[in-house]
Amino acid sequence: LKTTKKGCNAVAKKLRGLHDPPDQKVFVTGLPFDCDEGSVKRFFEETLAEKNTAAEVASELVHVKLLKFEDSKRCKGTAFLMFDSAEGAKAAIRFMNGSIWREVEEPGTSTKKKKSKKDGAGGGDVTKKLRLKVSKVLNRFVTKQKQGGSSKPRE
């Protein structure tokens, strides 16, 4: 029978996030607020297939984790992406950083345009181009150092 004492997990909780995250994980900012996991996955898979014409890396996007607002469950515009290999993550950083977001049609759906909620007079069909930033995921200790915090891991 396993017995535990109160507070025995405190050290493990304090050290959580201090180790280096996996190399196949990337962080993306600049996503639209109305996107979902499926549209992000389709966009990255199609764009990487287009840009990676030399077939250097055949990588698959395994998991998409969107960060969402707690109250409205809408996307905050950021996501964590997990690829099946570190080379796939490096290719995403190299090819997708600075790319412009575009809606990718889901296979099997019609190509009708959605009516916008804002039908302003004389506004036209002008949408802001969202430029994505794709970067490697850093551990918590490195992130806090960059923010100017003086927290050091205790031994």
N, C-alpha and C. Protein backbone atom coordinates (compact mmCIF):
# COMPACT_ATOMS: atom_id res chain seq x y z
N LEU A 1 0.85 -1.19 0.00
CA LEU A 1 0.00 0.00 0.00
C LEU A 1 0.89 1.24 0.00
N LYS A 2 0.61 2.14 -0.90
CA LYS A 2 1.40 3.36 -1.02
C LYS A 2 0.84 4.43 -0.09
N THR A 3 1.70 4.99 0.72
CA THR A 3 1.27 6.08 1.60
C THR A 3 2.04 7.34 1.23
N THR A 4 1.35 8.45 1.32
CA THR A 4 1.98 9.73 1.03
C THR A 4 1.76 10.69 2.17
N LYS A 5 2.70 11.61 2.33
CA LYS A 5 2.57 12.63 3.34
C LYS A 5 2.11 13.92 2.68
N LYS A 6 1.44 14.74 3.43
CA LYS A 6 0.96 16.01 2.91
C LYS A 6 2.15 16.89 2.52
N GLY A 7 2.11 17.42 1.29
CA GLY A 7 3.16 18.32 0.83
C GLY A 7 4.34 17.64 0.20
N CYS A 8 4.29 16.32 0.00
CA CYS A 8 5.44 15.63 -0.56
C CYS A 8 5.62 15.90 -2.05
N ASN A 9 4.60 16.42 -2.71
CA ASN A 9 4.68 16.71 -4.13
C ASN A 9 5.06 18.17 -4.39
N ALA A 10 5.32 18.93 -3.36
CA ALA A 10 5.60 20.36 -3.50
C ALA A 10 6.85 20.62 -4.33
N VAL A 11 7.88 19.82 -4.15
CA VAL A 11 9.13 20.02 -4.90
C VAL A 11 8.89 19.73 -6.38
N ALA A 12 8.17 18.65 -6.68
CA ALA A 12 7.90 18.31 -8.07
C ALA A 12 7.07 19.39 -8.75
N LYS A 13 6.11 19.97 -8.02
CA LYS A 13 5.29 21.03 -8.59
C LYS A 13 6.11 22.28 -8.84
N LYS A 14 7.04 22.59 -7.95
CA LYS A 14 7.87 23.79 -8.10
C LYS A 14 8.81 23.66 -9.29
N LEU A 15 9.29 22.45 -9.57
CA LEU A 15 10.22 22.23 -10.67
C LEU A 15 9.52 21.98 -12.01
N ARG A 16 8.19 21.91 -12.00
CA ARG A 16 7.45 21.65 -13.24
C ARG A 16 7.68 22.79 -14.23
N GLY A 17 8.04 22.45 -15.44
CA GLY A 17 8.25 23.45 -16.48
C GLY A 17 9.66 23.98 -16.55
N LEU A 18 10.56 23.51 -15.67
CA LEU A 18 11.94 24.00 -15.70
C LEU A 18 12.81 23.22 -16.67
N HIS A 19 12.40 22.02 -17.00
CA HIS A 19 13.19 21.22 -17.93
C HIS A 19 12.84 21.61 -19.36
N ASP A 20 13.74 21.31 -20.28
CA ASP A 20 13.51 21.68 -21.67
C ASP A 20 12.32 20.92 -22.24
N PRO A 21 11.43 21.62 -22.94
CA PRO A 21 10.30 20.95 -23.59
C PRO A 21 10.78 20.15 -24.79
N PRO A 22 9.95 19.27 -25.33
CA PRO A 22 10.38 18.48 -26.48
C PRO A 22 10.69 19.36 -27.69
N ASP A 23 11.62 18.90 -28.52
CA ASP A 23 12.05 19.66 -29.69
C ASP A 23 10.98 19.75 -30.77
N GLN A 24 10.02 18.86 -30.75
CA GLN A 24 9.01 18.87 -31.79
C GLN A 24 7.82 19.78 -31.47
N LYS A 25 7.90 20.57 -30.41
CA LYS A 25 6.81 21.46 -30.02
C LYS A 25 7.15 22.90 -30.39
N VAL A 26 6.19 23.61 -31.02
CA VAL A 26 6.39 25.01 -31.38
C VAL A 26 5.22 25.83 -30.84
N PHE A 27 5.47 27.15 -30.70
CA PHE A 27 4.49 28.09 -30.18
C PHE A 27 4.14 29.06 -31.31
N VAL A 28 2.84 29.27 -31.54
CA VAL A 28 2.38 30.13 -32.64
C VAL A 28 1.55 31.27 -32.07
N THR A 29 1.83 32.50 -32.51
CA THR A 29 1.02 33.66 -32.15
C THR A 29 0.54 34.33 -33.43
N GLY A 30 -0.52 35.12 -33.30
CA GLY A 30 -1.06 35.85 -34.44
C GLY A 30 -2.22 35.16 -35.12
N LEU A 31 -2.78 34.13 -34.49
CA LEU A 31 -3.92 33.42 -35.07
C LEU A 31 -5.19 34.26 -34.89
N PRO A 32 -6.18 34.07 -35.76
CA PRO A 32 -7.45 34.80 -35.58
C PRO A 32 -8.22 34.25 -34.38
N PHE A 33 -9.08 35.09 -33.81
CA PHE A 33 -9.83 34.69 -32.62
C PHE A 33 -10.92 33.67 -32.93
N ASP A 34 -11.36 33.58 -34.19
CA ASP A 34 -12.46 32.68 -34.52
C ASP A 34 -11.99 31.35 -35.12
N CYS A 35 -10.71 31.02 -34.99
CA CYS A 35 -10.22 29.76 -35.55
C CYS A 35 -10.44 28.61 -34.56
N ASP A 36 -10.34 27.40 -35.08
CA ASP A 36 -10.43 26.21 -34.24
C ASP A 36 -9.26 25.29 -34.56
N GLU A 37 -9.15 24.18 -33.83
CA GLU A 37 -8.02 23.28 -33.99
C GLU A 37 -7.93 22.73 -35.41
N GLY A 38 -9.07 22.38 -35.98
CA GLY A 38 -9.08 21.81 -37.33
C GLY A 38 -8.57 22.78 -38.38
N SER A 39 -8.97 24.05 -38.29
CA SER A 39 -8.53 25.02 -39.30
C SER A 39 -7.04 25.31 -39.16
N VAL A 40 -6.53 25.35 -37.93
CA VAL A 40 -5.10 25.57 -37.73
C VAL A 40 -4.31 24.40 -38.28
N LYS A 41 -4.78 23.19 -38.02
CA LYS A 41 -4.08 22.00 -38.51
C LYS A 41 -4.07 21.95 -40.03
N ARG A 42 -5.23 22.23 -40.66
CA ARG A 42 -5.30 22.24 -42.12
C ARG A 42 -4.37 23.31 -42.71
N PHE A 43 -4.37 24.51 -42.11
CA PHE A 43 -3.53 25.59 -42.62
C PHE A 43 -2.06 25.22 -42.57
N PHE A 44 -1.60 24.70 -41.44
CA PHE A 44 -0.18 24.36 -41.31
C PHE A 44 0.20 23.19 -42.22
N GLU A 45 -0.64 22.17 -42.31
CA GLU A 45 -0.32 21.03 -43.16
C GLU A 45 -0.25 21.43 -44.63
N GLU A 46 -1.24 22.22 -45.11
CA GLU A 46 -1.25 22.61 -46.52
C GLU A 46 -0.11 23.57 -46.84
N THR A 47 0.13 24.54 -45.97
CA THR A 47 1.17 25.52 -46.25
C THR A 47 2.55 24.88 -46.19
N LEU A 48 2.77 24.00 -45.23
CA LEU A 48 4.07 23.32 -45.19
C LEU A 48 4.26 22.41 -46.40
N ALA A 49 3.19 21.78 -46.88
CA ALA A 49 3.30 20.94 -48.07
C ALA A 49 3.64 21.79 -49.30
N GLU A 50 3.06 23.01 -49.39
CA GLU A 50 3.35 23.90 -50.52
C GLU A 50 4.78 24.42 -50.47
N LYS A 51 5.21 24.88 -49.29
CA LYS A 51 6.52 25.52 -49.17
C LYS A 51 7.66 24.51 -49.15
N ASN A 52 7.38 23.30 -48.73
CA ASN A 52 8.41 22.29 -48.63
C ASN A 52 8.43 21.45 -49.90
N THR A 53 8.64 22.11 -51.05
CA THR A 53 8.57 21.42 -52.33
C THR A 53 9.76 20.49 -52.57
N ALA A 54 10.89 20.77 -51.92
CA ALA A 54 12.07 19.93 -52.13
C ALA A 54 11.96 18.60 -51.38
N ALA A 55 10.88 18.39 -50.65
CA ALA A 55 10.64 17.16 -49.88
C ALA A 55 11.78 16.89 -48.91
N GLU A 56 12.27 17.97 -48.29
CA GLU A 56 13.33 17.80 -47.30
C GLU A 56 12.81 17.04 -46.09
N VAL A 57 11.66 17.45 -45.61
CA VAL A 57 11.11 16.87 -44.39
C VAL A 57 9.66 16.49 -44.64
N ALA A 58 9.34 15.24 -44.43
CA ALA A 58 7.95 14.78 -44.50
C ALA A 58 7.48 14.62 -43.07
N SER A 59 6.87 15.67 -42.53
CA SER A 59 6.47 15.65 -41.13
C SER A 59 4.96 15.83 -41.03
N GLU A 60 4.41 15.31 -39.96
CA GLU A 60 2.98 15.39 -39.73
C GLU A 60 2.71 16.18 -38.45
N LEU A 61 1.68 17.00 -38.50
CA LEU A 61 1.25 17.75 -37.33
C LEU A 61 0.39 16.81 -36.48
N VAL A 62 0.87 16.50 -35.29
CA VAL A 62 0.23 15.47 -34.47
C VAL A 62 -0.85 16.07 -33.57
N HIS A 63 -0.58 17.23 -32.95
CA HIS A 63 -1.51 17.77 -31.96
C HIS A 63 -1.52 19.29 -32.02
N VAL A 64 -2.70 19.87 -31.86
CA VAL A 64 -2.87 21.32 -31.81
C VAL A 64 -3.57 21.66 -30.50
N LYS A 65 -2.98 22.56 -29.72
CA LYS A 65 -3.59 23.00 -28.46
C LYS A 65 -3.76 24.51 -28.54
N LEU A 66 -5.01 24.96 -28.73
CA LEU A 66 -5.30 26.39 -28.76
C LEU A 66 -5.48 26.90 -27.34
N LEU A 67 -4.93 28.07 -27.06
CA LEU A 67 -5.17 28.70 -25.78
C LEU A 67 -6.44 29.53 -25.92
N LYS A 68 -7.41 29.31 -25.01
CA LYS A 68 -8.73 29.94 -25.14
C LYS A 68 -9.07 30.75 -23.91
N PHE A 69 -9.93 31.75 -24.11
CA PHE A 69 -10.47 32.51 -23.00
C PHE A 69 -11.39 31.61 -22.19
N GLU A 70 -11.36 31.75 -20.87
CA GLU A 70 -12.16 30.87 -20.02
C GLU A 70 -13.65 31.16 -20.14
N ASP A 71 -14.02 32.43 -20.29
CA ASP A 71 -15.44 32.76 -20.28
C ASP A 71 -16.12 32.50 -21.63
N SER A 72 -15.49 32.90 -22.73
CA SER A 72 -16.14 32.78 -24.04
C SER A 72 -15.68 31.57 -24.84
N LYS A 73 -14.62 30.89 -24.40
CA LYS A 73 -14.05 29.73 -25.09
C LYS A 73 -13.58 30.08 -26.50
N ARG A 74 -13.29 31.35 -26.76
CA ARG A 74 -12.72 31.76 -28.04
C ARG A 74 -11.21 31.69 -27.97
N CYS A 75 -10.59 31.54 -29.12
CA CYS A 75 -9.14 31.43 -29.19
C CYS A 75 -8.49 32.75 -28.80
N LYS A 76 -7.41 32.70 -28.05
CA LYS A 76 -6.66 33.90 -27.67
C LYS A 76 -5.72 34.35 -28.78
N GLY A 77 -5.59 33.55 -29.83
CA GLY A 77 -4.69 33.89 -30.92
C GLY A 77 -3.35 33.21 -30.80
N THR A 78 -3.22 32.29 -29.84
CA THR A 78 -1.97 31.57 -29.65
C THR A 78 -2.26 30.07 -29.57
N ALA A 79 -1.24 29.28 -29.93
CA ALA A 79 -1.42 27.82 -29.91
C ALA A 79 -0.07 27.14 -29.74
N PHE A 80 -0.11 25.93 -29.23
CA PHE A 80 1.04 25.03 -29.19
C PHE A 80 0.80 23.95 -30.22
N LEU A 81 1.80 23.70 -31.06
CA LEU A 81 1.70 22.66 -32.08
C LEU A 81 2.75 21.60 -31.81
N MET A 82 2.37 20.33 -31.92
CA MET A 82 3.29 19.23 -31.71
C MET A 82 3.42 18.46 -33.02
N PHE A 83 4.66 18.38 -33.52
CA PHE A 83 4.94 17.64 -34.74
C PHE A 83 5.47 16.26 -34.38
N ASP A 84 5.50 15.36 -35.37
CA ASP A 84 5.97 14.00 -35.09
C ASP A 84 7.49 13.91 -35.04
N SER A 85 8.20 14.96 -35.50
CA SER A 85 9.66 14.93 -35.44
C SER A 85 10.19 16.34 -35.20
N ALA A 86 11.42 16.41 -34.72
CA ALA A 86 12.05 17.70 -34.48
C ALA A 86 12.33 18.42 -35.80
N GLU A 87 12.57 17.67 -36.87
CA GLU A 87 12.81 18.27 -38.19
C GLU A 87 11.55 18.96 -38.69
N GLY A 88 10.39 18.39 -38.41
CA GLY A 88 9.12 19.00 -38.80
C GLY A 88 8.90 20.32 -38.09
N ALA A 89 9.26 20.37 -36.80
CA ALA A 89 9.12 21.61 -36.04
C ALA A 89 10.08 22.67 -36.56
N LYS A 90 11.31 22.26 -36.90
CA LYS A 90 12.28 23.22 -37.45
C LYS A 90 11.81 23.75 -38.80
N ALA A 91 11.20 22.87 -39.62
CA ALA A 91 10.68 23.30 -40.92
C ALA A 91 9.54 24.30 -40.72
N ALA A 92 8.68 24.06 -39.72
CA ALA A 92 7.58 24.98 -39.44
C ALA A 92 8.12 26.34 -39.02
N ILE A 93 9.15 26.35 -38.19
CA ILE A 93 9.73 27.63 -37.76
C ILE A 93 10.35 28.34 -38.96
N ARG A 94 11.06 27.60 -39.79
CA ARG A 94 11.75 28.20 -40.93
C ARG A 94 10.77 28.72 -41.98
N PHE A 95 9.75 27.91 -42.34
CA PHE A 95 8.86 28.27 -43.43
C PHE A 95 7.65 29.09 -43.01
N MET A 96 7.16 28.88 -41.80
CA MET A 96 5.89 29.50 -41.41
C MET A 96 6.04 30.80 -40.63
N ASN A 97 7.22 31.08 -40.09
CA ASN A 97 7.40 32.31 -39.32
C ASN A 97 7.27 33.49 -40.27
N GLY A 98 6.35 34.39 -39.97
CA GLY A 98 6.12 35.56 -40.80
C GLY A 98 5.11 35.34 -41.91
N SER A 99 4.56 34.13 -42.02
CA SER A 99 3.56 33.89 -43.06
C SER A 99 2.23 34.53 -42.68
N ILE A 100 1.38 34.73 -43.67
CA ILE A 100 0.10 35.41 -43.46
C ILE A 100 -1.00 34.37 -43.40
N TRP A 101 -1.88 34.49 -42.38
CA TRP A 101 -2.97 33.55 -42.17
C TRP A 101 -3.98 33.68 -43.30
N ARG A 102 -4.45 32.54 -43.78
CA ARG A 102 -5.55 32.51 -44.74
C ARG A 102 -6.46 31.36 -44.36
N GLU A 103 -7.73 31.53 -44.63
CA GLU A 103 -8.70 30.48 -44.33
C GLU A 103 -8.50 29.33 -45.31
N VAL A 104 -8.47 28.12 -44.81
CA VAL A 104 -8.34 26.93 -45.63
C VAL A 104 -9.67 26.19 -45.57
N GLU A 105 -10.21 25.91 -46.75
CA GLU A 105 -11.51 25.23 -46.82
C GLU A 105 -11.39 23.79 -46.34
N GLU A 106 -12.37 23.37 -45.57
CA GLU A 106 -12.41 21.99 -45.11
C GLU A 106 -12.83 21.10 -46.29
N PRO A 107 -12.17 19.97 -46.47
CA PRO A 107 -12.53 19.11 -47.60
C PRO A 107 -13.99 18.66 -47.50
N GLY A 108 -14.69 18.73 -48.64
CA GLY A 108 -16.08 18.29 -48.67
C GLY A 108 -17.08 19.37 -48.33
N THR A 109 -16.64 20.61 -48.16
CA THR A 109 -17.57 21.70 -47.87
C THR A 109 -17.69 22.58 -49.09
N SER A 110 -18.77 23.31 -49.15
CA SER A 110 -18.97 24.20 -50.28
C SER A 110 -18.07 25.42 -50.15
N THR A 111 -17.86 26.13 -51.24
CA THR A 111 -16.95 27.28 -51.23
C THR A 111 -17.71 28.59 -51.10
N LYS A 112 -18.89 28.55 -50.49
CA LYS A 112 -19.65 29.78 -50.27
C LYS A 112 -18.95 30.64 -49.23
N LYS A 113 -18.95 31.93 -49.46
CA LYS A 113 -18.37 32.84 -48.48
C LYS A 113 -19.37 33.13 -47.39
N LYS A 114 -18.88 33.19 -46.18
CA LYS A 114 -19.74 33.52 -45.06
C LYS A 114 -20.04 35.01 -45.09
N LYS A 115 -21.28 35.37 -44.73
CA LYS A 115 -21.62 36.79 -44.66
C LYS A 115 -21.02 37.35 -43.38
N SER A 116 -20.43 38.50 -43.51
CA SER A 116 -19.84 39.11 -42.33
C SER A 116 -20.94 39.73 -41.47
N LYS A 117 -20.70 39.77 -40.19
CA LYS A 117 -21.67 40.35 -39.27
C LYS A 117 -21.73 41.86 -39.39
N LYS A 118 -20.62 42.44 -39.83
CA LYS A 118 -20.55 43.89 -39.96
C LYS A 118 -20.83 44.27 -41.41
N ASP A 119 -21.99 44.77 -41.68
CA ASP A 119 -22.33 45.25 -43.02
C ASP A 119 -22.30 46.77 -43.00
N GLY A 120 -21.13 47.34 -42.88
CA GLY A 120 -20.99 48.79 -42.83
C GLY A 120 -21.14 49.40 -44.21
N ALA A 121 -21.57 50.64 -44.25
CA ALA A 121 -21.77 51.32 -45.54
C ALA A 121 -20.43 51.75 -46.10
N GLY A 122 -20.12 51.30 -47.30
CA GLY A 122 -18.91 51.73 -47.99
C GLY A 122 -17.63 51.14 -47.43
N GLY A 123 -17.71 50.17 -46.53
CA GLY A 123 -16.52 49.58 -45.94
C GLY A 123 -15.78 48.65 -46.88
N GLY A 124 -16.51 48.01 -47.77
CA GLY A 124 -15.86 47.07 -48.68
C GLY A 124 -15.51 45.78 -47.98
N ASP A 125 -14.71 44.97 -48.63
CA ASP A 125 -14.31 43.68 -48.07
C ASP A 125 -12.84 43.74 -47.71
N VAL A 126 -12.52 44.52 -46.69
CA VAL A 126 -11.14 44.69 -46.27
C VAL A 126 -10.95 43.92 -44.97
N THR A 127 -9.99 43.00 -44.99
CA THR A 127 -9.67 42.26 -43.77
C THR A 127 -8.21 42.48 -43.45
N LYS A 128 -7.92 42.49 -42.18
CA LYS A 128 -6.54 42.69 -41.73
C LYS A 128 -5.75 41.41 -41.96
N LYS A 129 -4.56 41.56 -42.50
CA LYS A 129 -3.70 40.40 -42.71
C LYS A 129 -3.02 40.05 -41.39
N LEU A 130 -3.20 38.83 -40.97
CA LEU A 130 -2.61 38.38 -39.72
C LEU A 130 -1.29 37.69 -40.01
N ARG A 131 -0.20 38.24 -39.50
CA ARG A 131 1.13 37.68 -39.71
C ARG A 131 1.46 36.79 -38.52
N LEU A 132 1.76 35.53 -38.80
CA LEU A 132 2.03 34.55 -37.74
C LEU A 132 3.48 34.63 -37.28
N LYS A 133 3.68 34.36 -36.01
CA LYS A 133 5.02 34.22 -35.47
C LYS A 133 5.13 32.81 -34.89
N VAL A 134 6.07 32.05 -35.40
CA VAL A 134 6.27 30.67 -34.97
C VAL A 134 7.63 30.59 -34.31
N SER A 135 7.67 30.07 -33.08
CA SER A 135 8.94 29.99 -32.35
C SER A 135 9.02 28.69 -31.58
N LYS A 136 10.22 28.37 -31.17
CA LYS A 136 10.47 27.17 -30.36
C LYS A 136 9.93 27.41 -28.95
N VAL A 137 9.39 26.39 -28.34
CA VAL A 137 8.89 26.51 -26.98
C VAL A 137 10.08 26.51 -26.03
N LEU A 138 10.12 27.49 -25.12
CA LEU A 138 11.20 27.59 -24.15
C LEU A 138 10.72 27.10 -22.79
N ASN A 139 11.69 26.72 -21.94
CA ASN A 139 11.27 26.30 -20.61
C ASN A 139 10.95 27.53 -19.76
N ARG A 140 10.30 27.32 -18.64
CA ARG A 140 9.81 28.42 -17.82
C ARG A 140 10.94 29.26 -17.26
N PHE A 141 12.06 28.64 -16.91
CA PHE A 141 13.18 29.37 -16.32
C PHE A 141 13.76 30.35 -17.33
N VAL A 142 13.93 29.94 -18.57
CA VAL A 142 14.47 30.82 -19.61
C VAL A 142 13.49 31.95 -19.89
N THR A 143 12.20 31.65 -19.93
CA THR A 143 11.19 32.67 -20.20
C THR A 143 11.19 33.73 -19.11
N LYS A 144 11.30 33.32 -17.85
CA LYS A 144 11.31 34.28 -16.75
C LYS A 144 12.57 35.14 -16.78
N GLN A 145 13.70 34.57 -17.21
CA GLN A 145 14.92 35.36 -17.31
C GLN A 145 14.77 36.42 -18.38
N LYS A 146 14.12 36.09 -19.50
CA LYS A 146 13.93 37.06 -20.56
C LYS A 146 13.00 38.18 -20.14
N GLN A 147 12.07 37.89 -19.25
CA GLN A 147 11.13 38.90 -18.77
C GLN A 147 11.77 39.79 -17.72
N GLY A 148 12.95 39.45 -17.27
CA GLY A 148 13.63 40.26 -16.27
C GLY A 148 13.40 39.80 -14.85
N GLY A 149 12.77 38.65 -14.69
CA GLY A 149 12.56 38.11 -13.34
C GLY A 149 13.84 37.54 -12.79
N SER A 150 13.98 37.57 -11.50
CA SER A 150 15.22 37.06 -10.88
C SER A 150 14.99 35.74 -10.16
N SER A 151 14.02 34.99 -10.64
CA SER A 151 13.73 33.71 -9.96
C SER A 151 14.73 32.66 -10.42
N LYS A 152 15.32 31.99 -9.45
CA LYS A 152 16.26 30.91 -9.72
C LYS A 152 15.71 29.64 -9.11
N PRO A 153 15.92 28.50 -9.76
CA PRO A 153 15.43 27.26 -9.17
C PRO A 153 16.16 26.95 -7.88
N ARG A 154 15.41 26.59 -6.87
CA ARG A 154 16.01 26.24 -5.59
C ARG A 154 16.39 24.78 -5.58
N GLU A 155 17.43 24.47 -4.88
CA GLU A 155 17.86 23.08 -4.81
C GLU A 155 17.48 22.45 -3.51
